[in-house]
């Protein structure tokens, strides 16, 4: 069985991946219990934060195309 999330990341999750996803999921549930909605949980400077979706999406984010093309060629 192939788990799409593992395939997209390039392998099985590490212990760090598992702990971080558990912490982020718990934070998201805590926010919902508090009645807070429309927030994205993330990591900044090693600490869990939450940001409104509107704020997270307002800036234009770009990627280094040379890294994209390198990753693309290595995945073939």
PDB file of N, CA and C in Angstrom:
ATOM      1  N   UNK A   1       0.845  -1.176   0.000  1.00  0.00           N
ATOM      2  CA  UNK A   1       0.000   0.000   0.000  1.00  0.00           C
ATOM      3  C   UNK A   1       0.890   1.239   0.000  1.00  0.00           C
ATOM      4  N   UNK A   2       0.567   2.201  -0.835  1.00  0.00           N
ATOM      5  CA  UNK A   2       1.305   3.448  -0.891  1.00  0.00           C
ATOM      6  C   UNK A   2       0.472   4.552  -0.263  1.00  0.00           C
ATOM      7  N   UNK A   3       1.080   5.278   0.652  1.00  0.00           N
ATOM      8  CA  UNK A   3       0.405   6.419   1.276  1.00  0.00           C
ATOM      9  C   UNK A   3       0.875   7.665   0.543  1.00  0.00           C
ATOM     10  N   UNK A   4      -0.070   8.376  -0.075  1.00  0.00           N
ATOM     11  CA  UNK A   4       0.259   9.506  -0.941  1.00  0.00           C
ATOM     12  C   UNK A   4       1.149  10.530  -0.242  1.00  0.00           C
ATOM     13  N   UNK A   5       0.863  10.844   1.013  1.00  0.00           N
ATOM     14  CA  UNK A   5       1.677  11.816   1.743  1.00  0.00           C
ATOM     15  C   UNK A   5       3.125  11.394   1.864  1.00  0.00           C
ATOM     16  N   UNK A   6       3.365  10.101   2.048  1.00  0.00           N
ATOM     17  CA  UNK A   6       4.739   9.602   2.137  1.00  0.00           C
ATOM     18  C   UNK A   6       5.422   9.725   0.777  1.00  0.00           C
ATOM     19  N   UNK A   7       4.700   9.389  -0.264  1.00  0.00           N
ATOM     20  CA  UNK A   7       5.252   9.457  -1.612  1.00  0.00           C
ATOM     21  C   UNK A   7       5.614  10.892  -1.979  1.00  0.00           C
ATOM     22  N   UNK A   8       4.748  11.835  -1.647  1.00  0.00           N
ATOM     23  CA  UNK A   8       4.994  13.227  -1.992  1.00  0.00           C
ATOM     24  C   UNK A   8       6.197  13.792  -1.246  1.00  0.00           C
ATOM     25  N   UNK A   9       6.410  13.378  -0.023  1.00  0.00           N
ATOM     26  CA  UNK A   9       7.547  13.863   0.760  1.00  0.00           C
ATOM     27  C   UNK A   9       8.815  13.112   0.417  1.00  0.00           C
ATOM     28  N   UNK A  10       8.692  11.963  -0.188  1.00  0.00           N
ATOM     29  CA  UNK A  10       9.867  11.218  -0.582  1.00  0.00           C
ATOM     30  C   UNK A  10      10.269  10.127   0.389  1.00  0.00           C
ATOM     31  N   UNK A  11       9.355   9.626   1.179  1.00  0.00           N
ATOM     32  CA  UNK A  11       9.710   8.542   2.075  1.00  0.00           C
ATOM     33  C   UNK A  11       8.844   8.515   3.315  1.00  0.00           C
ATOM     34  N   UNK A  12       9.153   7.613   4.190  1.00  0.00           N
ATOM     35  CA  UNK A  12       8.406   7.495   5.437  1.00  0.00           C
ATOM     36  C   UNK A  12       8.709   8.686   6.335  1.00  0.00           C
ATOM     37  N   UNK A  13       7.748   9.078   7.149  1.00  0.00           N
ATOM     38  CA  UNK A  13       7.982  10.228   8.032  1.00  0.00           C
ATOM     39  C   UNK A  13       9.016   9.900   9.105  1.00  0.00           C
ATOM     40  N   UNK A  14       9.807  10.896   9.436  1.00  0.00           N
ATOM     41  CA  UNK A  14      10.789  10.742  10.508  1.00  0.00           C
ATOM     42  C   UNK A  14      10.091  10.923  11.855  1.00  0.00           C
ATOM     43  N   UNK A  15      10.808  10.667  12.918  1.00  0.00           N
ATOM     44  CA  UNK A  15      10.254  10.892  14.256  1.00  0.00           C
ATOM     45  C   UNK A  15       9.881  12.362  14.421  1.00  0.00           C
ATOM     46  N   UNK A  16      10.698  13.255  13.897  1.00  0.00           N
ATOM     47  CA  UNK A  16      10.398  14.693  13.966  1.00  0.00           C
ATOM     48  C   UNK A  16       9.092  14.996  13.225  1.00  0.00           C
ATOM     49  N   UNK A  17       8.918  14.432  12.017  1.00  0.00           N
ATOM     50  CA  UNK A  17       7.682  14.645  11.258  1.00  0.00           C
ATOM     51  C   UNK A  17       6.472  14.191  12.053  1.00  0.00           C
ATOM     52  N   UNK A  18       6.573  13.038  12.670  1.00  0.00           N
ATOM     53  CA  UNK A  18       5.450  12.492  13.437  1.00  0.00           C
ATOM     54  C   UNK A  18       5.123  13.363  14.655  1.00  0.00           C
ATOM     55  N   UNK A  19       6.143  13.800  15.373  1.00  0.00           N
ATOM     56  CA  UNK A  19       5.907  14.637  16.551  1.00  0.00           C
ATOM     57  C   UNK A  19       5.340  15.999  16.153  1.00  0.00           C
ATOM     58  N   UNK A  20       5.903  16.596  15.105  1.00  0.00           N
ATOM     59  CA  UNK A  20       5.434  17.914  14.681  1.00  0.00           C
ATOM     60  C   UNK A  20       3.994  17.849  14.189  1.00  0.00           C
ATOM     61  N   UNK A  21       3.652  16.825  13.425  1.00  0.00           N
ATOM     62  CA  UNK A  21       2.274  16.715  12.940  1.00  0.00           C
ATOM     63  C   UNK A  21       1.304  16.481  14.092  1.00  0.00           C
ATOM     64  N   UNK A  22       1.723  15.724  15.092  1.00  0.00           N
ATOM     65  CA  UNK A  22       0.873  15.498  16.264  1.00  0.00           C
ATOM     66  C   UNK A  22       0.674  16.789  17.041  1.00  0.00           C
ATOM     67  N   UNK A  23       1.741  17.551  17.209  1.00  0.00           N
ATOM     68  CA  UNK A  23       1.631  18.825  17.929  1.00  0.00           C
ATOM     69  C   UNK A  23       0.766  19.825  17.171  1.00  0.00           C
ATOM     70  N   UNK A  24       0.936  19.877  15.848  1.00  0.00           N
ATOM     71  CA  UNK A  24       0.131  20.800  15.043  1.00  0.00           C
ATOM     72  C   UNK A  24      -1.341  20.399  15.065  1.00  0.00           C
ATOM     73  N   UNK A  25      -1.602  19.102  14.974  1.00  0.00           N
ATOM     74  CA  UNK A  25      -2.981  18.629  15.030  1.00  0.00           C
ATOM     75  C   UNK A  25      -3.630  18.939  16.361  1.00  0.00           C
ATOM     76  N   UNK A  26      -2.894  18.738  17.460  1.00  0.00           N
ATOM     77  CA  UNK A  26      -3.422  19.037  18.790  1.00  0.00           C
ATOM     78  C   UNK A  26      -3.705  20.527  18.937  1.00  0.00           C
ATOM     79  N   UNK A  27      -2.811  21.368  18.404  1.00  0.00           N
ATOM     80  CA  UNK A  27      -3.011  22.820  18.459  1.00  0.00           C
ATOM     81  C   UNK A  27      -4.245  23.222  17.669  1.00  0.00           C
ATOM     82  N   UNK A  28      -4.445  22.619  16.509  1.00  0.00           N
ATOM     83  CA  UNK A  28      -5.625  22.922  15.694  1.00  0.00           C
ATOM     84  C   UNK A  28      -6.906  22.550  16.437  1.00  0.00           C
ATOM     85  N   UNK A  29      -6.907  21.413  17.089  1.00  0.00           N
ATOM     86  CA  UNK A  29      -8.088  20.993  17.862  1.00  0.00           C
ATOM     87  C   UNK A  29      -8.319  21.955  19.023  1.00  0.00           C
ATOM     88  N   UNK A  30      -7.258  22.338  19.734  1.00  0.00           N
ATOM     89  CA  UNK A  30      -7.393  23.294  20.841  1.00  0.00           C
ATOM     90  C   UNK A  30      -8.021  24.605  20.363  1.00  0.00           C
ATOM     91  N   UNK A  31      -7.575  25.097  19.208  1.00  0.00           N
ATOM     92  CA  UNK A  31      -8.132  26.334  18.661  1.00  0.00           C
ATOM     93  C   UNK A  31      -9.615  26.182  18.358  1.00  0.00           C
ATOM     94  N   UNK A  32     -10.005  25.042  17.788  1.00  0.00           N
ATOM     95  CA  UNK A  32     -11.420  24.803  17.495  1.00  0.00           C
ATOM     96  C   UNK A  32     -12.245  24.737  18.770  1.00  0.00           C
ATOM     97  N   UNK A  33     -11.722  24.083  19.802  1.00  0.00           N
ATOM     98  CA  UNK A  33     -12.426  23.991  21.086  1.00  0.00           C
ATOM     99  C   UNK A  33     -12.627  25.391  21.670  1.00  0.00           C
ATOM    100  N   UNK A  34     -11.660  26.281  21.446  1.00  0.00           N
ATOM    101  CA  UNK A  34     -11.755  27.663  21.915  1.00  0.00           C
ATOM    102  C   UNK A  34     -12.692  28.502  21.044  1.00  0.00           C
ATOM    103  N   UNK A  35     -13.229  27.900  19.973  1.00  0.00           N
ATOM    104  CA  UNK A  35     -14.133  28.620  19.087  1.00  0.00           C
ATOM    105  C   UNK A  35     -13.434  29.437  18.018  1.00  0.00           C
ATOM    106  N   UNK A  36     -12.145  29.227  17.866  1.00  0.00           N
ATOM    107  CA  UNK A  36     -11.369  29.969  16.871  1.00  0.00           C
ATOM    108  C   UNK A  36     -11.325  29.176  15.577  1.00  0.00           C
ATOM    109  N   UNK A  37     -11.763  29.827  14.486  1.00  0.00           N
ATOM    110  CA  UNK A  37     -11.808  29.169  13.178  1.00  0.00           C
ATOM    111  C   UNK A  37     -11.090  30.027  12.142  1.00  0.00           C
ATOM    112  N   UNK A  38     -10.837  29.439  10.989  1.00  0.00           N
ATOM    113  CA  UNK A  38     -10.198  30.169   9.895  1.00  0.00           C
ATOM    114  C   UNK A  38      -8.729  30.447  10.147  1.00  0.00           C
ATOM    115  N   UNK A  39      -8.091  29.572  10.924  1.00  0.00           N
ATOM    116  CA  UNK A  39      -6.685  29.756  11.263  1.00  0.00           C
ATOM    117  C   UNK A  39      -5.844  28.623  10.719  1.00  0.00           C
ATOM    118  N   UNK A  40      -4.600  28.936  10.410  1.00  0.00           N
ATOM    119  CA  UNK A  40      -3.638  27.948   9.955  1.00  0.00           C
ATOM    120  C   UNK A  40      -2.594  27.785  11.051  1.00  0.00           C
ATOM    121  N   UNK A  41      -2.287  26.558  11.406  1.00  0.00           N
ATOM    122  CA  UNK A  41      -1.250  26.287  12.396  1.00  0.00           C
ATOM    123  C   UNK A  41       0.068  26.104  11.659  1.00  0.00           C
ATOM    124  N   UNK A  42       1.106  26.718  12.186  1.00  0.00           N
ATOM    125  CA  UNK A  42       2.408  26.612  11.548  1.00  0.00           C
ATOM    126  C   UNK A  42       3.524  26.667  12.574  1.00  0.00           C
ATOM    127  N   UNK A  43       4.731  26.706  12.071  1.00  0.00           N
ATOM    128  CA  UNK A  43       5.917  26.724  12.911  1.00  0.00           C
ATOM    129  C   UNK A  43       6.757  27.929  12.528  1.00  0.00           C
ATOM    130  N   UNK A  44       7.095  28.739  13.519  1.00  0.00           N
ATOM    131  CA  UNK A  44       7.952  29.898  13.270  1.00  0.00           C
ATOM    132  C   UNK A  44       8.975  29.979  14.400  1.00  0.00           C
ATOM    133  N   UNK A  45      10.237  29.996  14.025  1.00  0.00           N
ATOM    134  CA  UNK A  45      11.317  30.064  15.013  1.00  0.00           C
ATOM    135  C   UNK A  45      11.197  28.974  16.081  1.00  0.00           C
ATOM    136  N   UNK A  46      10.798  27.782  15.642  1.00  0.00           N
ATOM    137  CA  UNK A  46      10.724  26.642  16.541  1.00  0.00           C
ATOM    138  C   UNK A  46       9.503  26.619  17.439  1.00  0.00           C
ATOM    139  N   UNK A  47       8.569  27.554  17.258  1.00  0.00           N
ATOM    140  CA  UNK A  47       7.371  27.605  18.099  1.00  0.00           C
ATOM    141  C   UNK A  47       6.123  27.493  17.241  1.00  0.00           C
ATOM    142  N   UNK A  48       5.101  26.804  17.782  1.00  0.00           N
ATOM    143  CA  UNK A  48       3.830  26.700  17.077  1.00  0.00           C
ATOM    144  C   UNK A  48       3.115  28.047  17.109  1.00  0.00           C
ATOM    145  N   UNK A  49       2.592  28.435  15.973  1.00  0.00           N
ATOM    146  CA  UNK A  49       1.839  29.683  15.868  1.00  0.00           C
ATOM    147  C   UNK A  49       0.543  29.392  15.125  1.00  0.00           C
ATOM    148  N   UNK A  50      -0.386  30.332  15.182  1.00  0.00           N
ATOM    149  CA  UNK A  50      -1.571  30.251  14.340  1.00  0.00           C
ATOM    150  C   UNK A  50      -1.765  31.605  13.669  1.00  0.00           C
ATOM    151  N   UNK A  51      -2.173  31.537  12.411  1.00  0.00           N
ATOM    152  CA  UNK A  51      -2.301  32.714  11.570  1.00  0.00           C
ATOM    153  C   UNK A  51      -3.627  32.627  10.818  1.00  0.00           C
ATOM    154  N   UNK A  52      -4.369  33.729  10.728  1.00  0.00           N
ATOM    155  CA  UNK A  52      -5.582  33.716   9.906  1.00  0.00           C
ATOM    156  C   UNK A  52      -5.247  33.365   8.451  1.00  0.00           C
ATOM    157  N   UNK A  53      -6.113  32.578   7.827  1.00  0.00           N
ATOM    158  CA  UNK A  53      -5.881  32.188   6.430  1.00  0.00           C
ATOM    159  C   UNK A  53      -5.669  33.413   5.545  1.00  0.00           C
ATOM    160  N   UNK A  54      -6.472  34.461   5.771  1.00  0.00           N
ATOM    161  CA  UNK A  54      -6.373  35.659   4.939  1.00  0.00           C
ATOM    162  C   UNK A  54      -4.979  36.279   5.016  1.00  0.00           C
ATOM    163  N   UNK A  55      -4.407  36.306   6.222  1.00  0.00           N
ATOM    164  CA  UNK A  55      -3.073  36.872   6.392  1.00  0.00           C
ATOM    165  C   UNK A  55      -2.010  35.984   5.747  1.00  0.00           C
ATOM    166  N   UNK A  56      -2.161  34.684   5.901  1.00  0.00           N
ATOM    167  CA  UNK A  56      -1.189  33.749   5.344  1.00  0.00           C
ATOM    168  C   UNK A  56      -1.189  33.797   3.823  1.00  0.00           C
ATOM    169  N   UNK A  57      -2.334  34.089   3.221  1.00  0.00           N
ATOM    170  CA  UNK A  57      -2.456  34.060   1.763  1.00  0.00           C
ATOM    171  C   UNK A  57      -2.260  35.420   1.107  1.00  0.00           C
ATOM    172  N   UNK A  58      -2.088  36.483   1.890  1.00  0.00           N
ATOM    173  CA  UNK A  58      -2.034  37.821   1.288  1.00  0.00           C
ATOM    174  C   UNK A  58      -0.725  38.104   0.554  1.00  0.00           C
ATOM    175  N   UNK A  59       0.368  37.531   1.019  1.00  0.00           N
ATOM    176  CA  UNK A  59       1.656  37.774   0.374  1.00  0.00           C
ATOM    177  C   UNK A  59       1.879  36.800  -0.769  1.00  0.00           C
ATOM    178  N   UNK A  60       2.555  37.263  -1.781  1.00  0.00           N
ATOM    179  CA  UNK A  60       2.897  36.404  -2.904  1.00  0.00           C
ATOM    180  C   UNK A  60       4.166  35.642  -2.542  1.00  0.00           C
ATOM    181  N   UNK A  61       4.095  34.345  -2.598  1.00  0.00           N
ATOM    182  CA  UNK A  61       5.241  33.504  -2.280  1.00  0.00           C
ATOM    183  C   UNK A  61       5.822  32.956  -3.572  1.00  0.00           C
ATOM    184  N   UNK A  62       7.127  33.018  -3.699  1.00  0.00           N
ATOM    185  CA  UNK A  62       7.780  32.521  -4.908  1.00  0.00           C
ATOM    186  C   UNK A  62       8.798  31.452  -4.516  1.00  0.00           C
ATOM    187  N   UNK A  63       9.182  30.687  -5.499  1.00  0.00           N
ATOM    188  CA  UNK A  63      10.192  29.662  -5.274  1.00  0.00           C
ATOM    189  C   UNK A  63      11.369  29.913  -6.220  1.00  0.00           C
ATOM    190  N   UNK A  64      12.495  29.365  -5.856  1.00  0.00           N
ATOM    191  CA  UNK A  64      13.678  29.431  -6.712  1.00  0.00           C
ATOM    192  C   UNK A  64      13.478  28.396  -7.821  1.00  0.00           C
ATOM    193  N   UNK A  65      13.249  28.856  -9.030  1.00  0.00           N
ATOM    194  CA  UNK A  65      12.953  27.941 -10.138  1.00  0.00           C
ATOM    195  C   UNK A  65      14.093  26.977 -10.427  1.00  0.00           C
ATOM    196  N   UNK A  66      15.331  27.365 -10.153  1.00  0.00           N
ATOM    197  CA  UNK A  66      16.430  26.434 -10.407  1.00  0.00           C
ATOM    198  C   UNK A  66      16.325  25.221  -9.489  1.00  0.00           C
ATOM    199  N   UNK A  67      15.899  25.435  -8.250  1.00  0.00           N
ATOM    200  CA  UNK A  67      15.709  24.312  -7.333  1.00  0.00           C
ATOM    201  C   UNK A  67      14.521  23.463  -7.779  1.00  0.00           C
ATOM    202  N   UNK A  68      13.456  24.115  -8.243  1.00  0.00           N
ATOM    203  CA  UNK A  68      12.297  23.386  -8.752  1.00  0.00           C
ATOM    204  C   UNK A  68      12.697  22.483  -9.911  1.00  0.00           C
ATOM    205  N   UNK A  69      13.428  23.026 -10.869  1.00  0.00           N
ATOM    206  CA  UNK A  69      13.816  22.242 -12.035  1.00  0.00           C
ATOM    207  C   UNK A  69      14.784  21.110 -11.667  1.00  0.00           C
ATOM    208  N   UNK A  70      15.658  21.357 -10.703  1.00  0.00           N
ATOM    209  CA  UNK A  70      16.551  20.310 -10.242  1.00  0.00           C
ATOM    210  C   UNK A  70      15.738  19.174  -9.606  1.00  0.00           C
ATOM    211  N   UNK A  71      14.809  19.510  -8.726  1.00  0.00           N
ATOM    212  CA  UNK A  71      13.971  18.499  -8.084  1.00  0.00           C
ATOM    213  C   UNK A  71      13.151  17.744  -9.121  1.00  0.00           C
ATOM    214  N   UNK A  72      12.651  18.473 -10.092  1.00  0.00           N
ATOM    215  CA  UNK A  72      11.858  17.841 -11.151  1.00  0.00           C
ATOM    216  C   UNK A  72      12.702  16.847 -11.959  1.00  0.00           C
ATOM    217  N   UNK A  73      13.913  17.242 -12.304  1.00  0.00           N
ATOM    218  CA  UNK A  73      14.751  16.324 -13.093  1.00  0.00           C
ATOM    219  C   UNK A  73      15.195  15.121 -12.270  1.00  0.00           C
ATOM    220  N   UNK A  74      15.410  15.303 -10.979  1.00  0.00           N
ATOM    221  CA  UNK A  74      15.809  14.184 -10.130  1.00  0.00           C
ATOM    222  C   UNK A  74      14.671  13.217  -9.849  1.00  0.00           C
ATOM    223  N   UNK A  75      13.432  13.681 -10.011  1.00  0.00           N
ATOM    224  CA  UNK A  75      12.284  12.807  -9.714  1.00  0.00           C
ATOM    225  C   UNK A  75      11.865  11.954 -10.895  1.00  0.00           C
ATOM    226  N   UNK A  76      12.468  12.170 -12.046  1.00  0.00           N
ATOM    227  CA  UNK A  76      12.077  11.389 -13.245  1.00  0.00           C
ATOM    228  C   UNK A  76      12.600   9.983 -13.180  1.00  0.00           C
TER     229      UNK A  76
END
